[in-house]
Amino acid sequence: MSECGHDKRILGCSHDTAGRRVCGGRRGDQPGAAAVRKKDDPPPSDLDLLRKILSPTGAFIELFSWQGEGFASVPIGAGRQAFAVASRGFRAWVRREFLREHKRHPSPHALRTAINEIGDHAADEPEKRIFRRVGSDGKDWFIDLGNEARDVIVISQGLWNHATRAPVHFARSRAMRPFPKIRSQGAVNGNTNELDVACQAKHREAFKAFKALLNLDTADDFQLLMTWCVCALTPDGPYPVLTVCGDQGSAKSTLVRLTHELVDPSSAPLRSLPSSEKDLFVSASNARLLAFDNVSRISAPMSDNLCKISTGGVFAMRRARTDADEVYLEFKAPVILNGIGDLILRPDLADRALVINTTAFPEGGRRDTASVNKAFSALAPRLTEALLDLLAFARRKFLSEEFGEWSPGPLPRMAEFAMLGIAIEDLFGGPGSFMNAYDKNRQTAADELAELDPILLTILELWDENKNCWSGTMQELQAEIARRLKASGSRLPVPTGLAQISSHVKRIKPILIAKKINVAFHRAKTKDRRRTLHLF
């Protein structure tokens, strides 16, 4: 008890400046006493603690949306990583933060409620694009190195270097693995904007050693493959569909696996081609690179879908457990296919494809997987540095082209890929080497497609037989197709619908133009309004 007769545990007693005792009444009435919690106050709930962790003043979470879904950028180590709020990865991060601060796990109900609250908040925030492995802010390019520190490579003005943060949001898949450890900056000379001569020699040596691990048919194929690898590290594409063909046992899967490891290291590099459109587009929206192993057949719808992934597209589907809500999946990604025989049977996919051929091993020429992996692991840092140098060098060339300082000349379909190949061709074969290799590749693909396409094959034969010209109705073209298939004993089906033939001719028009065959349609003004095809 105090001298004034009050219990000090309940009331606050003090003295004023004159020394008189002052009874302050209950402790809660004193200034600042509200900050002192009573002994019988309940502790904060798990939900309160989670809300504190997930508040902007807690762990410095940045909330935003992308494609109608809430996202959160959270600190991990010295860097940051973006998670969909509804994902298992974000839930695991919240649980780890709670465990770190409070030495126990939160209750499932509190965790679910807190994540639902933050998800609703994030979905209303402005949209910011999510990138996987490679990104851009419209000015510079960024590559997620995949390490625990969340370091990135910044490619700016023809130079590249390491950084701990990027101004764009990167998400990661569980299969992502880090790039090998590499030097801290690029080898492009800032004064001359050219690759250092000594580095060029080292890069050629590294590429030569890498080529020895692959069972490629020609040097042209290797140049195209390396150009494709550099293209796969650009943020915007479009990306040719890399198609690896060859005999059984010619190391096609090994080539695809090593290429995947070079561009996007992953613990699950090879997968099967999905049977459904939805599964394919979900994979494309969640992966940086898609590599489909042992493909035996590509249907017409699947061919169209691969074209969409190559050049970019959007897939809409109904949101789960709703009747009217839609989810939009945006995608654009490099794709690799490998299989035996002719995989590309549609002209639109053939026009976007880059076909690489492997050859059968000579007697005693096969290497075991362990030795190939060991040799590749030793080469990987040098190859990564070489690709980054070429990427930065090409980036500088592109900037020069914008200011009229450099011109790649006339460009074919997949123009961005062709520009890239022309920009870096000196390291492989000198001026003109890329377009020479690319033109031959496209011509070979068109010739192989013609052998399997009765309409294209008939048009090419009519063109040659009639001295580079021909005109006829769809009925006449159909009759020519049937006659020639019968005469050759081919088992290819005769197209029956005139509209089908007309549509297919329009589809193969880019291939015909590449062969310097112009195509035009004319509909007669007569009553039957027959459509006539003109080749000239």
Protein backbone atom coordinates (compact mmCIF):
# COMPACT_ATOMS: atom_id res chain seq x y z
CA MET A 1 0.00 0.00 0.00
CA SER A 2 1.17 3.58 -0.68
CA GLU A 3 1.26 6.26 1.96
CA CYS A 4 -2.01 7.61 0.63
CA GLY A 5 -3.62 4.30 1.23
CA HIS A 6 -3.89 3.12 -2.35
CA ASP A 7 -2.67 -0.12 -3.79
CA LYS A 8 0.28 0.77 -6.05
CA ARG A 9 -0.48 -2.19 -8.30
CA ILE A 10 -3.77 -0.55 -9.31
CA LEU A 11 -3.36 3.18 -8.87
CA GLY A 12 -0.46 5.37 -9.81
CA CYS A 13 0.83 7.63 -7.02
CA SER A 14 3.48 10.31 -7.46
CA HIS A 15 4.72 13.63 -6.11
CA ASP A 16 4.26 17.05 -7.68
CA THR A 17 7.00 19.69 -7.96
CA ALA A 18 6.18 20.92 -4.45
CA GLY A 19 6.68 17.48 -3.01
CA ARG A 20 2.99 16.85 -2.38
CA ARG A 21 1.71 13.32 -2.92
CA VAL A 22 -0.63 13.09 -5.88
CA CYS A 23 -2.97 10.14 -6.36
CA GLY A 24 -3.33 9.67 -10.10
CA GLY A 25 -6.34 7.39 -9.91
CA ARG A 26 -6.27 4.21 -12.03
CA ARG A 27 -3.04 3.56 -13.95
CA GLY A 28 -4.86 3.62 -17.25
CA ASP A 29 -5.75 7.28 -16.66
CA GLN A 30 -2.10 8.38 -16.64
CA PRO A 31 -0.50 9.89 -19.77
CA GLY A 32 1.14 7.14 -21.83
CA ALA A 33 -0.41 4.40 -19.77
CA ALA A 34 -2.46 3.17 -22.73
CA ALA A 35 0.72 1.71 -24.17
CA VAL A 36 1.11 -0.54 -21.13
CA ARG A 37 -0.93 -3.68 -21.58
CA LYS A 38 -2.83 -4.99 -18.61
CA LYS A 39 -1.83 -8.35 -17.33
CA ASP A 40 -5.21 -9.78 -18.16
CA ASP A 41 -5.22 -8.49 -21.82
CA PRO A 42 -5.34 -11.41 -24.33
CA PRO A 43 -2.23 -11.91 -26.53
CA PRO A 44 -2.55 -11.01 -30.24
CA SER A 45 -4.16 -13.71 -32.33
CA ASP A 46 -2.39 -15.57 -35.13
CA LEU A 47 -4.46 -13.57 -37.60
CA ASP A 48 -3.25 -10.29 -36.07
CA LEU A 49 0.36 -11.46 -36.26
CA LEU A 50 -0.07 -12.57 -39.87
CA ARG A 51 -1.63 -9.25 -40.81
CA LYS A 52 1.41 -7.51 -39.35
CA ILE A 53 3.76 -9.70 -41.43
CA LEU A 54 1.73 -9.07 -44.57
CA SER A 55 1.37 -5.32 -44.08
CA PRO A 56 3.50 -3.00 -46.23
CA THR A 57 5.36 -1.92 -43.08
CA GLY A 58 6.06 -5.51 -42.07
CA ALA A 59 8.31 -7.35 -44.53
CA PHE A 60 8.08 -4.66 -47.24
CA ILE A 61 5.70 -6.61 -49.44
CA GLU A 62 4.79 -5.07 -52.77
CA LEU A 63 1.33 -6.00 -54.01
CA PHE A 64 0.24 -5.89 -57.64
CA SER A 65 -1.90 -7.82 -60.12
CA TRP A 66 -1.24 -9.64 -63.37
CA GLN A 67 -3.83 -11.20 -65.67
CA GLY A 68 -6.53 -10.70 -63.03
CA GLU A 69 -4.62 -12.49 -60.27
CA GLY A 70 -3.07 -11.00 -57.13
CA PHE A 71 0.72 -11.11 -56.76
CA ALA A 72 3.17 -10.19 -54.03
CA SER A 73 6.84 -9.34 -54.39
CA VAL A 74 8.63 -10.38 -51.20
CA PRO A 75 12.22 -10.05 -49.94
CA ILE A 76 14.30 -13.23 -50.06
CA GLY A 77 17.93 -12.79 -49.13
CA ALA A 78 19.32 -9.67 -50.79
CA GLY A 79 16.84 -9.88 -53.66
CA ARG A 80 13.13 -10.26 -54.23
CA GLN A 81 10.80 -12.82 -55.79
CA ALA A 82 7.22 -12.55 -57.01
CA PHE A 83 4.57 -15.10 -56.05
CA ALA A 84 0.94 -15.47 -56.96
CA VAL A 85 -0.80 -14.87 -53.63
CA ALA A 86 -2.87 -18.03 -54.12
CA SER A 87 0.22 -20.16 -54.82
CA ARG A 88 1.84 -22.75 -52.58
CA GLY A 89 5.08 -20.80 -52.82
CA PHE A 90 3.59 -17.68 -51.24
CA ARG A 91 1.87 -19.73 -48.53
CA ALA A 92 5.21 -21.37 -47.71
CA TRP A 93 6.94 -17.97 -47.54
CA VAL A 94 4.32 -16.65 -45.09
CA ARG A 95 4.67 -19.75 -42.90
CA ARG A 96 8.47 -19.36 -42.87
CA GLU A 97 8.23 -15.69 -41.89
CA PHE A 98 5.78 -16.50 -39.09
CA LEU A 99 8.01 -19.32 -37.85
CA ARG A 100 11.07 -17.07 -37.94
CA GLU A 101 9.39 -14.34 -35.89
CA HIS A 102 7.31 -16.41 -33.47
CA LYS A 103 9.07 -19.81 -33.33
CA ARG A 104 5.89 -21.69 -34.22
CA HIS A 105 3.49 -22.23 -37.10
CA PRO A 106 0.27 -20.22 -37.52
CA SER A 107 -3.11 -21.87 -37.29
CA PRO A 108 -4.45 -23.09 -40.67
CA HIS A 109 -7.59 -20.97 -40.35
CA ALA A 110 -5.66 -17.77 -39.63
CA LEU A 111 -3.23 -18.47 -42.47
CA ARG A 112 -6.06 -19.07 -44.93
CA THR A 113 -7.93 -15.93 -43.84
CA ALA A 114 -4.84 -13.69 -44.01
CA ILE A 115 -3.89 -14.94 -47.48
CA ASN A 116 -7.45 -14.46 -48.75
CA GLU A 117 -7.42 -10.88 -47.45
CA ILE A 118 -4.08 -10.01 -49.03
CA GLY A 119 -5.14 -11.72 -52.28
CA ASP A 120 -8.25 -9.55 -52.55
CA HIS A 121 -6.14 -6.48 -51.88
CA ALA A 122 -3.50 -7.43 -54.47
CA ALA A 123 -6.08 -8.18 -57.17
CA ASP A 124 -7.24 -4.55 -56.98
CA GLU A 125 -3.73 -3.15 -57.40
CA PRO A 126 -2.39 -1.92 -60.78
CA GLU A 127 -1.10 -4.56 -63.20
CA LYS A 128 2.62 -5.28 -63.51
CA ARG A 129 4.01 -7.93 -65.81
CA ILE A 130 5.46 -11.15 -64.44
CA PHE A 131 8.62 -12.50 -66.11
CA ARG A 132 10.25 -15.92 -65.90
CA ARG A 133 14.04 -16.12 -66.24
CA VAL A 134 14.23 -13.25 -68.83
CA GLY A 135 12.59 -9.82 -68.56
CA SER A 136 12.64 -6.24 -69.79
CA ASP A 137 11.58 -2.84 -68.50
CA GLY A 138 11.34 -1.46 -72.04
CA LYS A 139 14.90 -0.15 -71.92
CA ASP A 140 17.20 -2.82 -70.49
CA TRP A 141 17.08 -6.61 -70.47
CA PHE A 142 17.38 -8.74 -67.33
CA ILE A 143 18.16 -12.42 -66.77
CA ASP A 144 17.41 -14.16 -63.47
CA LEU A 145 20.52 -16.17 -62.59
CA GLY A 146 18.40 -18.55 -60.52
CA ASN A 147 20.68 -18.51 -57.47
CA GLU A 148 19.61 -18.18 -53.83
CA ALA A 149 20.71 -14.54 -53.69
CA ARG A 150 18.25 -13.69 -56.51
CA ASP A 151 21.04 -12.02 -58.51
CA VAL A 152 20.35 -10.89 -62.07
CA ILE A 153 22.28 -10.05 -65.23
CA VAL A 154 21.57 -6.57 -66.60
CA ILE A 155 22.08 -6.04 -70.35
CA SER A 156 22.22 -2.34 -71.17
CA GLN A 157 23.66 -0.44 -74.14
CA GLY A 158 25.62 -3.42 -75.38
CA LEU A 159 27.13 -4.25 -71.97
CA TRP A 160 26.21 -6.81 -69.32
CA ASN A 161 26.98 -7.02 -65.62
CA HIS A 162 25.72 -8.47 -62.34
CA ALA A 163 23.14 -6.77 -60.11
CA THR A 164 21.34 -7.75 -56.91
CA ARG A 165 17.99 -6.29 -57.91
CA ALA A 166 15.98 -5.77 -61.10
CA PRO A 167 13.20 -3.21 -61.64
CA VAL A 168 10.97 -6.01 -63.00
CA HIS A 169 9.18 -8.84 -61.22
CA PHE A 170 10.54 -12.37 -61.63
CA ALA A 171 8.65 -15.51 -60.67
CA ARG A 172 10.27 -18.93 -60.46
CA SER A 173 9.14 -22.48 -61.03
CA ARG A 174 10.13 -25.24 -58.62
CA ALA A 175 12.20 -26.83 -61.40
CA MET A 176 14.40 -23.76 -62.01
CA ARG A 177 18.10 -24.25 -61.40
CA PRO A 178 20.87 -21.62 -61.33
CA PHE A 179 23.19 -20.72 -64.16
CA PRO A 180 26.85 -21.61 -63.57
CA LYS A 181 29.08 -19.05 -61.87
CA ILE A 182 30.45 -16.62 -64.45
CA ARG A 183 32.55 -13.48 -64.61
CA SER A 184 31.06 -10.22 -63.36
CA GLN A 185 30.75 -8.32 -66.66
CA GLY A 186 30.76 -8.63 -70.44
CA ALA A 187 33.58 -8.35 -72.94
CA VAL A 188 32.09 -5.88 -75.44
CA ASN A 189 34.42 -2.88 -75.76
CA GLY A 190 32.52 0.24 -74.73
CA ASN A 191 34.52 2.44 -77.10
CA THR A 192 34.43 0.34 -80.27
CA ASN A 193 31.21 -1.58 -79.47
CA GLU A 194 32.96 -4.72 -80.68
CA LEU A 195 33.81 -7.98 -78.94
CA ASP A 196 37.35 -8.16 -77.65
CA VAL A 197 39.49 -10.16 -80.10
CA ALA A 198 40.89 -12.41 -77.39
CA CYS A 199 37.37 -13.14 -76.13
CA GLN A 200 36.21 -13.97 -79.66
CA ALA A 201 38.93 -16.61 -79.86
CA LYS A 202 37.93 -18.04 -76.48
CA HIS A 203 34.28 -18.12 -77.50
CA ARG A 204 35.07 -19.94 -80.75
CA GLU A 205 37.10 -22.47 -78.78
CA ALA A 206 34.22 -23.03 -76.34
CA PHE A 207 31.69 -23.42 -79.16
CA LYS A 208 33.98 -25.87 -80.95
CA ALA A 209 34.20 -27.99 -77.80
CA PHE A 210 30.41 -27.84 -77.38
CA LYS A 211 29.82 -28.86 -80.99
CA ALA A 212 31.96 -31.94 -80.36
CA LEU A 213 29.41 -33.03 -77.72
CA LEU A 214 26.52 -32.79 -80.18
CA ASN A 215 25.78 -35.14 -83.03
CA LEU A 216 24.83 -32.46 -85.55
CA ASP A 217 24.64 -32.93 -89.29
CA THR A 218 26.35 -29.74 -90.52
CA ALA A 219 28.20 -26.61 -89.35
CA ASP A 220 25.21 -24.60 -90.60
CA ASP A 221 22.98 -26.44 -88.15
CA PHE A 222 25.34 -25.56 -85.29
CA GLN A 223 25.33 -21.86 -86.23
CA LEU A 224 21.53 -21.87 -86.36
CA LEU A 225 21.35 -23.71 -83.03
CA MET A 226 23.62 -21.19 -81.28
CA THR A 227 21.66 -18.31 -82.79
CA TRP A 228 18.48 -19.90 -81.45
CA CYS A 229 20.07 -20.14 -77.97
CA VAL A 230 20.87 -16.42 -78.02
CA CYS A 231 17.34 -15.68 -79.27
CA ALA A 232 15.87 -17.71 -76.39
CA LEU A 233 17.58 -15.30 -73.97
CA THR A 234 15.80 -12.26 -75.44
CA PRO A 235 12.69 -11.13 -73.55
CA ASP A 236 10.24 -10.53 -76.39
CA GLY A 237 10.93 -13.02 -79.18
CA PRO A 238 9.30 -14.21 -81.36
CA TYR A 239 11.04 -17.57 -81.13
CA PRO A 240 11.37 -20.12 -83.95
CA VAL A 241 10.15 -23.58 -82.95
CA LEU A 242 13.39 -25.56 -82.69
CA THR A 243 12.74 -29.01 -84.17
CA VAL A 244 15.38 -31.71 -83.71
CA CYS A 245 14.98 -34.63 -86.12
CA GLY A 246 17.09 -37.71 -86.67
CA ASP A 247 17.31 -41.47 -86.61
CA GLN A 248 16.70 -43.54 -83.52
CA GLY A 249 19.70 -43.43 -81.21
CA SER A 250 21.24 -40.30 -82.76
CA ALA A 251 21.34 -38.41 -79.41
CA LYS A 252 18.39 -36.11 -80.11
CA SER A 253 17.31 -36.05 -76.46
CA THR A 254 20.87 -35.30 -75.36
CA LEU A 255 21.04 -32.32 -77.71
CA VAL A 256 17.71 -31.00 -76.43
CA ARG A 257 18.68 -31.53 -72.78
CA LEU A 258 22.01 -29.72 -73.14
CA THR A 259 20.39 -26.88 -75.09
CA HIS A 260 17.79 -26.49 -72.35
CA GLU A 261 20.53 -26.52 -69.71
CA LEU A 262 22.42 -23.83 -71.59
CA VAL A 263 19.45 -21.46 -71.94
CA ASP A 264 17.26 -22.24 -68.92
CA PRO A 265 18.82 -24.69 -66.40
CA SER A 266 16.08 -26.94 -65.03
CA SER A 267 15.71 -30.08 -62.95
CA ALA A 268 12.97 -31.25 -65.35
CA PRO A 269 14.14 -30.23 -68.84
CA LEU A 270 12.20 -32.76 -70.94
CA ARG A 271 8.46 -33.34 -70.90
CA SER A 272 5.81 -35.03 -73.00
CA LEU A 273 3.70 -33.04 -75.44
CA PRO A 274 0.30 -32.46 -73.74
CA SER A 275 -2.76 -33.84 -75.43
CA SER A 276 -5.03 -30.93 -74.50
CA GLU A 277 -4.89 -27.29 -75.50
CA LYS A 278 -5.48 -26.15 -71.93
CA ASP A 279 -2.56 -28.14 -70.51
CA LEU A 280 -0.25 -26.82 -73.23
CA PHE A 281 -1.12 -23.18 -72.59
CA VAL A 282 -0.91 -23.56 -68.81
CA SER A 283 2.60 -24.97 -69.26
CA ALA A 284 3.52 -22.13 -71.63
CA SER A 285 2.34 -19.47 -69.18
CA ASN A 286 4.34 -20.98 -66.30
CA ALA A 287 7.62 -21.94 -68.00
CA ARG A 288 10.36 -20.02 -69.73
CA LEU A 289 11.23 -22.81 -72.16
CA LEU A 290 9.20 -25.85 -73.26
CA ALA A 291 11.07 -28.92 -74.50
CA PHE A 292 8.92 -31.83 -75.68
CA ASP A 293 10.72 -35.15 -76.01
CA ASN A 294 9.99 -38.07 -78.37
CA VAL A 295 7.15 -36.41 -80.26
CA SER A 296 5.65 -38.88 -82.73
CA ARG A 297 2.87 -36.79 -84.28
CA ILE A 298 1.68 -33.18 -84.24
CA SER A 299 -2.02 -32.76 -84.97
CA ALA A 300 -3.35 -29.77 -86.90
CA PRO A 301 -4.78 -28.06 -83.76
CA MET A 302 -1.54 -28.69 -81.85
CA SER A 303 0.44 -27.24 -84.75
CA ASP A 304 -1.65 -24.07 -84.60
CA ASN A 305 -1.15 -23.85 -80.83
CA LEU A 306 2.63 -24.18 -81.13
CA CYS A 307 2.56 -21.31 -83.61
CA LYS A 308 0.71 -19.20 -81.04
CA ILE A 309 3.30 -19.95 -78.36
CA SER A 310 6.12 -19.09 -80.75
CA THR A 311 4.83 -15.62 -81.58
CA GLY A 312 2.67 -14.97 -78.50
CA GLY A 313 -1.00 -15.28 -77.65
CA VAL A 314 -3.68 -15.32 -74.96
CA PHE A 315 -5.83 -18.24 -73.83
CA ALA A 316 -9.13 -17.68 -72.01
CA MET A 317 -10.75 -20.34 -69.85
CA ARG A 318 -13.46 -20.48 -67.22
CA ARG A 319 -12.29 -19.87 -63.67
CA ALA A 320 -12.67 -22.95 -61.48
CA ARG A 321 -15.88 -23.17 -59.44
CA THR A 322 -17.52 -20.28 -61.30
CA ASP A 323 -20.04 -20.05 -64.13
CA ALA A 324 -19.09 -16.79 -65.86
CA ASP A 325 -15.65 -15.66 -64.63
CA GLU A 326 -12.73 -16.13 -67.02
CA VAL A 327 -9.01 -16.53 -66.50
CA TYR A 328 -6.63 -15.21 -69.15
CA LEU A 329 -3.26 -16.85 -69.72
CA GLU A 330 -0.74 -14.81 -71.70
CA PHE A 331 2.19 -16.69 -73.17
CA LYS A 332 5.18 -16.43 -75.50
CA ALA A 333 8.02 -18.89 -75.05
CA PRO A 334 10.77 -20.77 -76.87
CA VAL A 335 9.74 -24.33 -77.79
CA ILE A 336 11.88 -27.37 -78.65
CA LEU A 337 10.52 -30.54 -80.27
CA ASN A 338 12.37 -33.74 -81.00
CA GLY A 339 11.29 -36.91 -82.72
CA ILE A 340 11.91 -39.43 -85.47
CA GLY A 341 10.79 -38.63 -89.00
CA ASP A 342 8.98 -35.58 -90.29
CA LEU A 343 7.26 -33.73 -87.45
CA ILE A 344 6.27 -30.53 -89.25
CA LEU A 345 3.29 -31.29 -91.48
CA ARG A 346 1.56 -27.90 -91.52
CA PRO A 347 2.89 -24.99 -93.60
CA ASP A 348 2.26 -22.32 -90.96
CA LEU A 349 4.36 -24.22 -88.40
CA ALA A 350 6.99 -25.00 -91.04
CA ASP A 351 7.27 -21.27 -91.70
CA ARG A 352 8.07 -20.70 -88.01
CA ALA A 353 10.28 -23.74 -87.48
CA LEU A 354 14.03 -24.19 -87.34
CA VAL A 355 14.82 -27.81 -88.22
CA ILE A 356 18.09 -29.26 -86.89
CA ASN A 357 19.18 -32.76 -87.92
CA THR A 358 21.27 -35.27 -86.01
CA THR A 359 23.12 -38.14 -87.68
CA ALA A 360 23.67 -41.76 -86.76
CA PHE A 361 26.82 -42.42 -84.73
CA PRO A 362 29.72 -44.09 -86.52
CA GLU A 363 30.86 -47.45 -85.21
CA GLY A 364 32.41 -46.90 -81.79
CA GLY A 365 31.63 -43.18 -81.83
CA ARG A 366 28.99 -43.09 -79.11
CA ARG A 367 29.87 -41.52 -75.74
CA ASP A 368 28.34 -42.44 -72.39
CA THR A 369 26.02 -39.95 -70.70
CA ALA A 370 28.27 -39.43 -67.67
CA SER A 371 31.25 -38.30 -69.74
CA VAL A 372 29.06 -35.98 -71.84
CA ASN A 373 27.59 -34.41 -68.69
CA LYS A 374 31.04 -33.97 -67.15
CA ALA A 375 32.40 -32.30 -70.27
CA PHE A 376 29.36 -30.03 -70.53
CA SER A 377 29.58 -28.99 -66.87
CA ALA A 378 33.18 -27.93 -67.43
CA LEU A 379 32.18 -25.95 -70.53
CA ALA A 380 28.97 -24.41 -69.17
CA PRO A 381 30.46 -21.23 -67.59
CA ARG A 382 32.38 -20.37 -70.77
CA LEU A 383 29.34 -21.08 -72.96
CA THR A 384 27.11 -18.92 -70.76
CA GLU A 385 29.58 -16.04 -70.92
CA ALA A 386 29.79 -16.42 -74.71
CA LEU A 387 26.00 -16.32 -75.11
CA LEU A 388 25.75 -13.25 -72.87
CA ASP A 389 28.48 -11.47 -74.84
CA LEU A 390 26.69 -12.25 -78.10
CA LEU A 391 23.36 -11.15 -76.63
CA ALA A 392 24.81 -7.83 -75.45
CA PHE A 393 26.60 -7.34 -78.77
CA ALA A 394 23.38 -8.00 -80.71
CA ARG A 395 21.50 -5.65 -78.40
CA ARG A 396 24.00 -2.93 -79.25
CA LYS A 397 23.55 -3.65 -82.97
CA PHE A 398 19.76 -3.36 -82.60
CA LEU A 399 20.16 0.05 -80.95
CA SER A 400 22.46 1.09 -83.81
CA GLU A 401 19.82 -0.06 -86.31
CA GLU A 402 17.25 2.20 -84.63
CA PHE A 403 19.53 5.18 -85.26
CA GLY A 404 20.36 4.16 -88.82
CA GLU A 405 23.94 3.15 -88.00
CA TRP A 406 23.46 -0.51 -88.94
CA SER A 407 21.15 -2.34 -91.34
CA PRO A 408 20.59 -6.10 -91.56
CA GLY A 409 19.17 -5.88 -95.08
CA PRO A 410 16.02 -7.64 -96.37
CA LEU A 411 14.50 -9.95 -93.75
CA PRO A 412 12.42 -13.16 -94.08
CA ARG A 413 9.65 -14.46 -91.83
CA MET A 414 10.70 -14.47 -88.14
CA ALA A 415 12.52 -11.22 -88.88
CA GLU A 416 13.74 -10.64 -85.32
CA PHE A 417 15.48 -14.01 -85.29
CA ALA A 418 17.08 -13.25 -88.64
CA MET A 419 18.29 -9.85 -87.40
CA LEU A 420 19.88 -11.53 -84.40
CA GLY A 421 21.58 -14.13 -86.57
CA ILE A 422 23.00 -11.48 -88.90
CA ALA A 423 24.22 -9.41 -85.94
CA ILE A 424 26.33 -12.24 -84.46
CA GLU A 425 27.26 -14.19 -87.60
CA ASP A 426 30.91 -13.07 -87.66
CA LEU A 427 31.73 -15.32 -84.72
CA PHE A 428 30.58 -18.40 -86.66
CA GLY A 429 31.07 -17.96 -90.39
CA GLY A 430 31.52 -14.38 -91.47
CA PRO A 431 29.27 -11.99 -93.43
CA GLY A 432 26.34 -13.65 -95.16
CA SER A 433 26.82 -16.98 -93.39
CA PHE A 434 23.64 -16.78 -91.33
CA MET A 435 21.21 -16.00 -94.14
CA ASN A 436 22.87 -18.63 -96.30
CA ALA A 437 22.30 -21.25 -93.58
CA TYR A 438 18.80 -19.99 -92.70
CA ASP A 439 17.62 -19.85 -96.33
CA LYS A 440 18.83 -23.41 -96.94
CA ASN A 441 17.11 -24.56 -93.76
CA ARG A 442 13.80 -23.01 -94.77
CA GLN A 443 14.10 -24.35 -98.33
CA THR A 444 14.75 -27.88 -97.09
CA ALA A 445 11.77 -27.67 -94.75
CA ALA A 446 9.55 -26.52 -97.63
CA ASP A 447 10.77 -29.33 -99.89
CA GLU A 448 10.14 -31.97 -97.22
CA LEU A 449 6.71 -30.55 -96.56
CA ALA A 450 5.88 -30.69 -100.28
CA GLU A 451 6.55 -34.43 -100.30
CA LEU A 452 3.84 -34.91 -97.67
CA ASP A 453 1.39 -32.27 -98.88
CA PRO A 454 -0.55 -33.34 -102.01
CA ILE A 455 -1.85 -29.83 -102.69
CA LEU A 456 1.56 -28.18 -102.44
CA LEU A 457 3.20 -30.97 -104.43
CA THR A 458 0.63 -30.66 -107.22
CA ILE A 459 1.00 -26.87 -107.41
CA LEU A 460 4.80 -27.16 -107.67
CA GLU A 461 4.51 -29.75 -110.45
CA LEU A 462 1.95 -27.65 -112.35
CA TRP A 463 4.26 -24.66 -112.04
CA ASP A 464 7.19 -26.55 -113.55
CA GLU A 465 5.17 -28.26 -116.28
CA ASN A 466 3.53 -25.04 -117.47
CA LYS A 467 6.72 -22.98 -117.57
CA ASN A 468 6.19 -20.96 -114.40
CA CYS A 469 2.50 -20.19 -114.71
CA TRP A 470 -0.87 -21.91 -114.29
CA SER A 471 -4.52 -20.97 -113.88
CA GLY A 472 -7.45 -23.17 -112.98
CA THR A 473 -10.53 -23.53 -110.83
CA MET A 474 -10.60 -25.38 -107.53
CA GLN A 475 -12.39 -28.26 -109.28
CA GLU A 476 -9.58 -28.50 -111.84
CA LEU A 477 -6.94 -28.38 -109.11
CA GLN A 478 -8.76 -31.12 -107.20
CA ALA A 479 -8.85 -33.30 -110.32
CA GLU A 480 -5.12 -32.74 -110.88
CA ILE A 481 -4.37 -33.72 -107.27
CA ALA A 482 -6.40 -36.94 -107.55
CA ARG A 483 -4.82 -37.88 -110.89
CA ARG A 484 -1.27 -37.36 -109.69
CA LEU A 485 -1.77 -39.21 -106.42
CA LYS A 486 -3.23 -42.17 -108.30
CA ALA A 487 -0.42 -42.19 -110.86
CA SER A 488 2.26 -42.13 -108.16
CA GLY A 489 0.59 -44.82 -106.06
CA SER A 490 0.65 -42.48 -103.07
CA ARG A 491 -1.42 -43.32 -100.01
CA LEU A 492 -1.95 -39.66 -99.20
CA PRO A 493 -5.67 -38.80 -99.01
CA VAL A 494 -7.26 -36.75 -101.78
CA PRO A 495 -8.77 -33.53 -100.37
CA THR A 496 -12.51 -33.64 -101.02
CA GLY A 497 -13.80 -30.17 -100.17
CA LEU A 498 -13.21 -27.26 -102.54
CA ALA A 499 -13.26 -24.82 -99.61
CA GLN A 500 -10.66 -27.01 -97.88
CA ILE A 501 -8.38 -26.82 -100.94
CA SER A 502 -8.80 -23.04 -101.22
CA SER A 503 -8.06 -22.55 -97.52
CA HIS A 504 -4.99 -24.77 -97.73
CA VAL A 505 -3.60 -22.85 -100.71
CA LYS A 506 -3.84 -19.66 -98.64
CA ARG A 507 -2.06 -21.45 -95.79
CA ILE A 508 0.87 -22.52 -97.99
CA LYS A 509 1.11 -19.14 -99.71
CA PRO A 510 4.25 -18.07 -97.71
CA ILE A 511 6.05 -21.23 -98.89
CA LEU A 512 5.08 -20.55 -102.50
CA ILE A 513 6.22 -16.95 -102.26
CA ALA A 514 9.55 -18.15 -100.84
CA LYS A 515 9.88 -20.22 -104.02
CA LYS A 516 9.12 -17.08 -106.06
CA ILE A 517 5.62 -18.27 -106.98
CA ASN A 518 2.98 -15.55 -106.72
CA VAL A 519 -0.57 -16.59 -105.88
CA ALA A 520 -3.85 -14.81 -106.63
CA PHE A 521 -7.53 -15.78 -106.51
CA HIS A 522 -10.26 -14.53 -108.80
CA ARG A 523 -13.97 -15.23 -108.45
CA ALA A 524 -15.98 -15.32 -111.69
CA LYS A 525 -18.92 -12.98 -112.17
CA THR A 526 -21.01 -15.78 -113.65
CA LYS A 527 -23.89 -17.38 -111.80
CA ASP A 528 -21.82 -20.20 -110.30
CA ARG A 529 -19.11 -17.70 -109.14
CA ARG A 530 -16.34 -20.26 -109.39
CA ARG A 531 -13.01 -19.36 -107.82
CA THR A 532 -9.93 -19.48 -110.06
CA LEU A 533 -6.36 -19.85 -108.83
CA HIS A 534 -3.62 -17.98 -110.70
CA LEU A 535 0.06 -18.87 -110.34
CA PHE A 536 2.46 -16.37 -111.87
